[in-house]
N, C-alpha and C. Protein backbone atom coordinates (compact mmCIF):
# COMPACT_ATOMS: atom_id res chain seq x y z
N MET A 1 -26.93 34.72 8.28
CA MET A 1 -26.27 33.14 7.96
C MET A 1 -25.21 32.73 9.69
N LYS A 2 -25.59 31.87 9.86
CA LYS A 2 -25.09 31.03 11.21
C LYS A 2 -23.78 30.38 11.06
N LEU A 3 -23.01 30.54 11.53
CA LEU A 3 -21.99 29.79 11.50
C LEU A 3 -21.53 29.17 13.01
N LEU A 4 -20.61 27.93 13.23
CA LEU A 4 -20.05 26.71 14.11
C LEU A 4 -18.88 27.48 14.14
N PHE A 5 -18.27 27.93 15.27
CA PHE A 5 -16.48 28.07 15.13
C PHE A 5 -16.06 27.26 16.62
N ALA A 6 -15.40 26.34 16.14
CA ALA A 6 -14.56 25.00 16.97
C ALA A 6 -13.35 25.44 17.18
N GLU A 7 -12.80 26.02 18.19
CA GLU A 7 -11.22 26.70 18.87
C GLU A 7 -10.99 26.98 20.10
N ASP A 8 -10.01 25.78 20.14
CA ASP A 8 -10.07 25.97 21.44
C ASP A 8 -8.93 27.04 22.62
N GLU A 9 -8.22 27.62 21.22
CA GLU A 9 -7.51 29.17 22.18
C GLU A 9 -8.45 29.82 22.36
N VAL A 10 -9.09 30.40 23.30
CA VAL A 10 -10.21 31.31 23.86
C VAL A 10 -9.60 32.62 23.24
N SER A 11 -8.25 33.50 23.17
CA SER A 11 -8.27 34.75 22.84
C SER A 11 -8.55 34.55 20.93
N MET A 12 -7.83 33.59 20.58
CA MET A 12 -8.31 33.54 19.01
C MET A 12 -9.64 33.49 18.55
N ALA A 13 -10.41 32.80 19.37
CA ALA A 13 -11.88 32.57 19.10
C ALA A 13 -12.45 33.51 19.48
N GLU A 14 -12.55 34.76 20.47
CA GLU A 14 -12.69 35.28 20.57
C GLU A 14 -12.76 36.60 19.78
N ALA A 15 -11.04 36.44 19.08
CA ALA A 15 -11.21 37.18 18.26
C ALA A 15 -11.83 37.34 16.56
N VAL A 16 -11.25 36.09 16.36
CA VAL A 16 -12.70 35.77 15.24
C VAL A 16 -13.67 35.79 15.79
N THR A 17 -14.47 35.34 16.52
CA THR A 17 -15.79 35.30 16.56
C THR A 17 -16.43 37.22 16.87
N ASP A 18 -15.32 37.80 16.84
CA ASP A 18 -15.91 39.19 17.24
C ASP A 18 -15.79 39.52 15.46
N ILE A 19 -14.82 39.31 14.86
CA ILE A 19 -14.49 39.74 13.32
C ILE A 19 -15.86 39.46 12.41
N LEU A 20 -16.16 37.89 12.97
CA LEU A 20 -17.52 37.18 11.88
C LEU A 20 -18.76 38.25 12.08
N THR A 21 -18.79 38.00 13.54
CA THR A 21 -19.63 39.41 14.12
C THR A 21 -19.83 40.78 13.46
N TYR A 22 -18.88 41.16 13.46
CA TYR A 22 -18.73 42.46 12.68
C TYR A 22 -19.47 42.50 11.47
N HIS A 23 -19.07 41.15 10.86
CA HIS A 23 -19.59 40.68 8.97
C HIS A 23 -20.92 40.27 9.16
N ASN A 24 -21.75 40.22 9.78
CA ASN A 24 -23.19 40.23 10.15
C ASN A 24 -23.51 38.74 9.99
N TYR A 25 -22.40 38.09 10.90
CA TYR A 25 -22.57 36.35 10.98
C TYR A 25 -23.14 36.44 12.09
N THR A 26 -23.93 35.08 12.22
CA THR A 26 -24.62 35.03 13.67
C THR A 26 -23.03 33.97 13.67
N VAL A 27 -22.68 33.84 15.26
CA VAL A 27 -21.40 32.70 15.49
C VAL A 27 -21.74 32.10 16.99
N ASP A 28 -21.98 30.65 16.85
CA ASP A 28 -21.99 29.97 18.18
C ASP A 28 -20.52 29.51 18.16
N THR A 29 -19.96 29.99 19.34
CA THR A 29 -18.13 29.17 19.88
C THR A 29 -18.18 28.43 21.24
N VAL A 30 -17.57 27.35 20.56
CA VAL A 30 -17.40 26.30 21.35
C VAL A 30 -15.92 26.45 21.40
N TYR A 31 -15.23 25.51 22.39
CA TYR A 31 -14.07 25.12 23.10
C TYR A 31 -13.51 24.26 22.59
N ASP A 32 -14.00 22.79 22.58
CA ASP A 32 -13.69 21.68 22.76
C ASP A 32 -14.28 20.87 21.07
N GLY A 33 -13.91 19.75 21.23
CA GLY A 33 -14.94 18.97 19.89
C GLY A 33 -15.53 18.22 20.41
N ALA A 34 -16.29 17.68 21.60
CA ALA A 34 -17.22 16.68 21.98
C ALA A 34 -18.70 18.32 21.99
N ASP A 35 -18.19 19.32 22.21
CA ASP A 35 -19.17 20.30 22.56
C ASP A 35 -19.67 20.75 20.73
N ALA A 36 -18.81 20.65 19.73
CA ALA A 36 -18.53 20.95 18.26
C ALA A 36 -19.62 19.93 17.85
N LEU A 37 -19.40 19.09 18.28
CA LEU A 37 -20.11 18.14 17.91
C LEU A 37 -21.85 17.86 18.42
N ASP A 38 -21.91 18.35 19.41
CA ASP A 38 -22.82 18.04 20.14
C ASP A 38 -23.74 19.45 19.27
N TYR A 39 -23.25 21.02 19.21
CA TYR A 39 -23.98 22.02 18.55
C TYR A 39 -24.17 21.74 17.17
N ALA A 40 -23.36 21.00 16.78
CA ALA A 40 -23.81 20.91 15.33
C ALA A 40 -25.14 19.82 14.66
N ARG A 41 -24.91 19.18 16.05
CA ARG A 41 -26.35 17.96 15.82
C ARG A 41 -27.45 19.13 15.90
N ALA A 42 -27.55 19.48 17.14
CA ALA A 42 -28.50 20.44 17.96
C ALA A 42 -29.31 21.48 16.62
N GLU A 43 -28.20 21.96 16.41
CA GLU A 43 -28.62 23.54 15.55
C GLU A 43 -28.71 23.31 14.03
N GLN A 44 -29.15 24.54 13.74
CA GLN A 44 -28.68 24.59 12.13
C GLN A 44 -28.07 25.44 11.71
N TYR A 45 -27.27 25.04 11.22
CA TYR A 45 -25.76 25.92 10.84
C TYR A 45 -25.72 26.22 8.79
N ASP A 46 -25.24 26.96 8.86
CA ASP A 46 -25.09 27.62 7.53
C ASP A 46 -23.52 27.24 7.23
N GLY A 47 -22.30 26.75 7.66
CA GLY A 47 -21.37 26.61 7.76
C GLY A 47 -20.69 26.43 9.42
N ILE A 48 -19.63 25.82 9.29
CA ILE A 48 -18.81 25.19 10.30
C ILE A 48 -17.26 25.79 10.17
N ILE A 49 -16.66 26.23 11.02
CA ILE A 49 -14.83 26.40 11.04
C ILE A 49 -14.46 25.64 12.42
N LEU A 50 -13.87 24.97 12.05
CA LEU A 50 -13.30 23.70 12.65
C LEU A 50 -11.37 23.78 12.75
N ASP A 51 -11.13 24.14 14.37
CA ASP A 51 -9.78 23.80 14.64
C ASP A 51 -9.46 22.21 14.57
N ILE A 52 -8.25 21.85 14.51
CA ILE A 52 -7.87 20.22 13.97
C ILE A 52 -7.87 19.75 15.58
N MET A 53 -6.84 20.43 16.20
CA MET A 53 -6.28 20.07 17.69
C MET A 53 -7.10 20.46 18.85
N MET A 54 -8.21 19.87 19.12
CA MET A 54 -9.34 20.25 20.14
C MET A 54 -8.94 19.09 21.17
N PRO A 55 -9.47 19.41 22.88
CA PRO A 55 -9.72 18.58 23.30
C PRO A 55 -10.84 17.66 23.07
N LYS A 56 -10.98 16.85 23.84
CA LYS A 56 -11.84 15.42 23.50
C LYS A 56 -12.18 15.06 22.32
N LYS A 57 -12.07 15.81 21.00
CA LYS A 57 -12.51 15.45 20.26
C LYS A 57 -11.92 15.89 18.59
N SER A 58 -10.96 15.37 18.03
CA SER A 58 -10.56 16.36 17.00
C SER A 58 -11.13 16.78 15.90
N GLY A 59 -10.79 17.60 15.17
CA GLY A 59 -11.27 18.54 14.22
C GLY A 59 -11.73 17.63 13.04
N TYR A 60 -10.70 16.54 13.06
CA TYR A 60 -10.89 15.60 11.82
C TYR A 60 -12.03 14.53 12.33
N ASP A 61 -12.06 14.17 13.27
CA ASP A 61 -13.58 13.46 14.21
C ASP A 61 -14.52 14.22 13.78
N ILE A 62 -14.39 15.36 14.09
CA ILE A 62 -15.88 15.95 13.85
C ILE A 62 -16.20 16.13 12.55
N CYS A 63 -15.30 16.64 10.97
CA CYS A 63 -15.30 16.68 10.24
C CYS A 63 -15.78 15.55 10.14
N ARG A 64 -15.33 14.28 9.70
CA ARG A 64 -16.37 13.16 9.02
C ARG A 64 -17.54 12.84 9.82
N GLU A 65 -17.73 12.91 11.09
CA GLU A 65 -19.03 12.90 11.46
C GLU A 65 -19.99 13.79 11.06
N ILE A 66 -19.71 15.03 11.26
CA ILE A 66 -20.55 16.13 10.45
C ILE A 66 -21.12 15.60 9.28
N ARG A 67 -19.90 15.19 8.20
CA ARG A 67 -20.14 15.09 6.74
C ARG A 67 -21.23 13.88 6.43
N GLU A 68 -20.69 12.64 7.52
CA GLU A 68 -21.83 11.59 7.21
C GLU A 68 -23.51 12.44 7.28
N GLN A 69 -23.66 13.20 8.06
CA GLN A 69 -24.88 13.47 7.97
C GLN A 69 -25.34 14.67 7.67
N ILE A 70 -24.66 16.03 7.61
CA ILE A 70 -25.01 17.12 7.31
C ILE A 70 -24.27 17.85 6.46
N ASP A 71 -24.41 18.29 5.20
CA ASP A 71 -23.92 18.87 3.57
C ASP A 71 -23.59 20.33 4.19
N ILE A 72 -23.07 21.09 4.35
CA ILE A 72 -22.77 22.17 4.44
C ILE A 72 -21.10 22.70 4.57
N PRO A 73 -20.95 23.82 4.46
CA PRO A 73 -19.38 24.27 4.19
C PRO A 73 -18.94 23.79 5.28
N ILE A 74 -17.51 22.98 5.23
CA ILE A 74 -16.57 23.22 6.43
C ILE A 74 -15.28 24.06 6.27
N LEU A 75 -14.68 24.57 7.23
CA LEU A 75 -13.95 25.11 6.98
C LEU A 75 -12.99 24.88 7.89
N MET A 76 -11.64 24.07 7.79
CA MET A 76 -11.19 23.53 8.96
C MET A 76 -9.68 24.78 9.24
N VAL A 77 -9.15 24.97 10.21
CA VAL A 77 -7.84 26.16 10.45
C VAL A 77 -7.55 25.75 11.61
N THR A 78 -6.18 25.54 11.65
CA THR A 78 -4.76 24.68 12.32
C THR A 78 -3.54 25.37 12.03
N ALA A 79 -3.06 24.93 12.91
CA ALA A 79 -1.16 25.36 12.97
C ALA A 79 -0.39 24.19 12.07
N LYS A 80 -1.13 23.00 11.65
CA LYS A 80 -0.59 22.09 11.12
C LYS A 80 -0.26 22.34 9.73
N THR A 81 0.90 22.36 9.30
CA THR A 81 1.01 22.75 7.97
C THR A 81 1.50 21.80 6.87
N GLU A 82 1.75 20.70 6.97
CA GLU A 82 2.13 19.21 6.42
C GLU A 82 0.98 19.37 5.44
N SER A 83 2.05 18.99 4.28
CA SER A 83 0.60 18.42 3.18
C SER A 83 -0.10 17.18 3.66
N VAL A 84 0.04 16.27 4.02
CA VAL A 84 -0.64 14.93 4.53
C VAL A 84 -1.58 15.70 5.42
N ASP A 85 -1.60 16.52 6.21
CA ASP A 85 -2.35 16.98 7.29
C ASP A 85 -3.47 17.46 6.38
N LYS A 86 -3.17 18.34 5.45
CA LYS A 86 -3.78 19.25 4.66
C LYS A 86 -4.78 18.12 3.80
N ILE A 87 -4.58 17.39 2.82
CA ILE A 87 -4.65 16.37 2.20
C ILE A 87 -5.77 15.34 3.27
N ARG A 88 -5.29 15.58 4.78
CA ARG A 88 -6.40 13.99 5.35
C ARG A 88 -7.79 15.30 5.52
N GLY A 89 -7.10 16.57 5.79
CA GLY A 89 -8.50 17.05 6.30
C GLY A 89 -9.66 17.43 4.77
N LEU A 90 -9.23 17.54 4.05
CA LEU A 90 -9.77 17.60 2.76
C LEU A 90 -10.78 16.39 2.32
N GLY A 91 -10.15 15.40 2.54
CA GLY A 91 -10.08 13.80 1.99
C GLY A 91 -11.48 13.49 3.06
N LEU A 92 -10.85 14.12 4.35
CA LEU A 92 -12.61 13.91 4.98
C LEU A 92 -14.04 14.52 4.86
N GLY A 93 -13.94 15.49 4.04
CA GLY A 93 -14.94 16.27 3.79
C GLY A 93 -14.68 17.49 4.13
N ALA A 94 -13.66 18.41 4.49
CA ALA A 94 -13.48 19.91 4.66
C ALA A 94 -13.31 20.41 3.11
N ASP A 95 -14.12 21.72 3.22
CA ASP A 95 -14.35 22.36 2.37
C ASP A 95 -12.85 23.33 1.76
N ASP A 96 -12.18 23.39 2.61
CA ASP A 96 -10.97 24.34 2.79
C ASP A 96 -10.25 24.47 3.69
N TYR A 97 -8.38 24.62 3.89
CA TYR A 97 -7.57 24.78 4.81
C TYR A 97 -6.99 25.93 5.28
N ILE A 98 -7.36 26.40 6.07
CA ILE A 98 -6.22 27.74 6.75
C ILE A 98 -5.79 27.76 7.64
N VAL A 99 -4.12 27.85 7.40
CA VAL A 99 -3.11 27.71 7.97
C VAL A 99 -2.76 29.08 9.04
N LYS A 100 -3.02 28.57 10.43
CA LYS A 100 -2.56 29.78 11.34
C LYS A 100 -1.31 29.95 11.21
N PRO A 101 -0.77 31.18 11.64
CA PRO A 101 -1.51 32.42 11.66
C PRO A 101 -2.24 32.31 10.44
N PHE A 102 -3.24 32.90 10.51
CA PHE A 102 -4.18 33.61 9.00
C PHE A 102 -4.48 34.87 9.30
N ASP A 103 -4.52 35.92 8.00
CA ASP A 103 -4.96 37.23 8.13
C ASP A 103 -6.83 37.16 8.31
N PRO A 104 -7.41 37.50 9.58
CA PRO A 104 -8.97 37.26 9.63
C PRO A 104 -10.00 37.97 8.46
N MET A 105 -9.37 38.44 7.67
CA MET A 105 -9.86 39.46 6.52
C MET A 105 -10.08 38.05 5.46
N GLU A 106 -8.94 37.27 5.81
CA GLU A 106 -9.00 36.46 4.55
C GLU A 106 -9.55 35.30 4.82
N LEU A 107 -10.00 34.91 6.31
CA LEU A 107 -10.86 33.96 6.74
C LEU A 107 -12.49 34.07 5.94
N VAL A 108 -12.43 35.34 6.85
CA VAL A 108 -13.99 35.89 6.07
C VAL A 108 -14.35 35.68 4.94
N ALA A 109 -13.57 36.38 3.91
CA ALA A 109 -13.43 36.24 2.75
C ALA A 109 -13.96 34.75 2.20
N ARG A 110 -12.91 34.05 2.86
CA ARG A 110 -13.08 32.26 2.04
C ARG A 110 -14.69 31.78 2.81
N VAL A 111 -14.58 32.25 4.06
CA VAL A 111 -16.14 31.76 4.55
C VAL A 111 -17.43 32.25 3.56
N LYS A 112 -17.06 33.59 3.31
CA LYS A 112 -18.45 34.24 2.46
C LYS A 112 -18.18 33.39 0.88
N SER A 113 -16.94 33.48 0.42
CA SER A 113 -17.31 32.53 -0.90
C SER A 113 -17.90 30.81 -0.76
N HIS A 114 -17.41 30.53 0.52
CA HIS A 114 -17.74 28.79 0.36
C HIS A 114 -19.47 29.16 0.69
N LEU A 115 -19.64 30.24 1.69
CA LEU A 115 -21.61 30.03 1.76
C LEU A 115 -22.41 30.40 0.41
N LEU A 116 -21.45 31.41 -0.33
CA LEU A 116 -22.70 31.85 -1.81
C LEU A 116 -22.40 30.60 -2.29
N ARG A 117 -21.11 29.79 -2.67
CA ARG A 117 -20.91 28.70 -3.59
C ARG A 117 -22.34 27.83 -3.08
N TYR A 118 -22.04 27.67 -2.10
CA TYR A 118 -23.32 26.52 -1.35
C TYR A 118 -24.80 26.89 -1.78
N GLU A 119 -24.74 28.19 -1.55
CA GLU A 119 -26.28 28.83 -1.61
C GLU A 119 -26.32 28.51 -3.29
N ARG A 120 -25.50 28.94 -4.26
CA ARG A 120 -25.55 28.35 -5.88
C ARG A 120 -25.69 27.31 -5.92
N LEU A 121 -25.28 26.47 -5.74
CA LEU A 121 -25.60 24.87 -5.65
C LEU A 121 -26.24 23.44 -5.18
N THR A 122 -26.79 24.61 -4.26
CA THR A 122 -27.86 23.58 -3.31
C THR A 122 -29.19 24.58 -3.65
N GLY A 123 -29.04 25.77 -4.75
CA GLY A 123 -30.57 26.74 -4.93
C GLY A 123 -31.27 27.07 -3.63
N LYS A 124 -30.51 26.97 -2.52
CA LYS A 124 -30.80 27.80 -1.52
C LYS A 124 -31.43 29.56 -1.81
N ASN A 125 -32.06 30.14 -0.85
CA ASN A 125 -32.40 31.32 -1.26
C ASN A 125 -33.03 31.63 -2.72
N GLY A 126 -33.44 30.77 -3.22
CA GLY A 126 -34.18 30.83 -4.46
C GLY A 126 -33.39 30.96 -5.84
N THR A 127 -32.25 30.88 -5.68
CA THR A 127 -31.13 30.92 -6.63
C THR A 127 -30.85 29.28 -7.12
N THR A 128 -32.29 28.68 -7.77
CA THR A 128 -31.68 27.34 -7.91
C THR A 128 -30.45 26.91 -8.91
N VAL A 129 -30.13 25.61 -9.32
CA VAL A 129 -28.81 25.81 -9.99
C VAL A 129 -29.67 24.39 -11.00
N SER A 130 -29.67 24.59 -11.93
CA SER A 130 -30.22 23.33 -12.72
C SER A 130 -28.64 23.09 -13.34
N TYR A 131 -28.38 21.75 -13.41
CA TYR A 131 -27.06 20.79 -14.06
C TYR A 131 -27.38 20.70 -15.44
N THR A 132 -28.49 20.26 -15.27
CA THR A 132 -29.20 19.87 -16.68
C THR A 132 -29.19 21.13 -17.84
N HIS A 133 -29.74 22.58 -16.86
CA HIS A 133 -29.48 23.33 -17.61
C HIS A 133 -28.48 24.20 -17.78
N LEU A 134 -27.30 23.96 -16.99
CA LEU A 134 -26.14 23.70 -17.50
C LEU A 134 -25.54 23.40 -18.52
N ARG A 135 -25.52 22.17 -18.30
CA ARG A 135 -24.88 21.37 -19.55
C ARG A 135 -25.00 21.79 -20.83
N ALA A 136 -26.64 22.01 -20.79
CA ALA A 136 -27.09 22.28 -22.23
C ALA A 136 -26.19 24.02 -22.84
N HIS A 137 -26.39 24.75 -22.01
CA HIS A 137 -24.89 25.83 -22.63
C HIS A 137 -24.03 25.39 -22.56
N GLU A 138 -23.13 24.50 -22.20
CA GLU A 138 -21.93 23.75 -22.83
C GLU A 138 -21.95 23.59 -23.99
N THR A 139 -22.90 22.78 -24.72
CA THR A 139 -22.71 22.63 -26.13
C THR A 139 -22.46 23.47 -26.98
C-alpha cells in the first residue's frame, strides 16, 4: 500500500514515515502543501495523511482539492484541537482527524482501518461489496 504523508515538521515526518515503512507501507513524504497537491495529482496513492498547518497550502485546501478529483482515504493530523477545526476538516472530506501529539501505533491502526474499509467498499482486491446484496440480508 502506498501513502502520501504531508507534514512540515521534519522530525515528526521522519518518525512517522519510519513507523509506517516498518509496517510495510510505501510512503512518499513531502514538507509543504504545494508539493502534497502535486504528488497527489501525479502519483497513485492508497491513502493520504495531511497536516493542516503547512507552508504554501493548508491541509484544508489540499483535502478539498484532492476530494474533488480522487476518492481515497484522507486522514488529517494537526495540533488544532477545537471542534470547529475538526468539523471543518471532516466537512471538506477528511475521513479521520488525529490530534497531535498522537501515539504512532494509533495512527498506524487508523490508517490500516481506513484502507481496509475503503477496499471493502470499493471492491478493490476482489472483495466486491454489493449494496443490493447487503440490503437483501437486512430484511
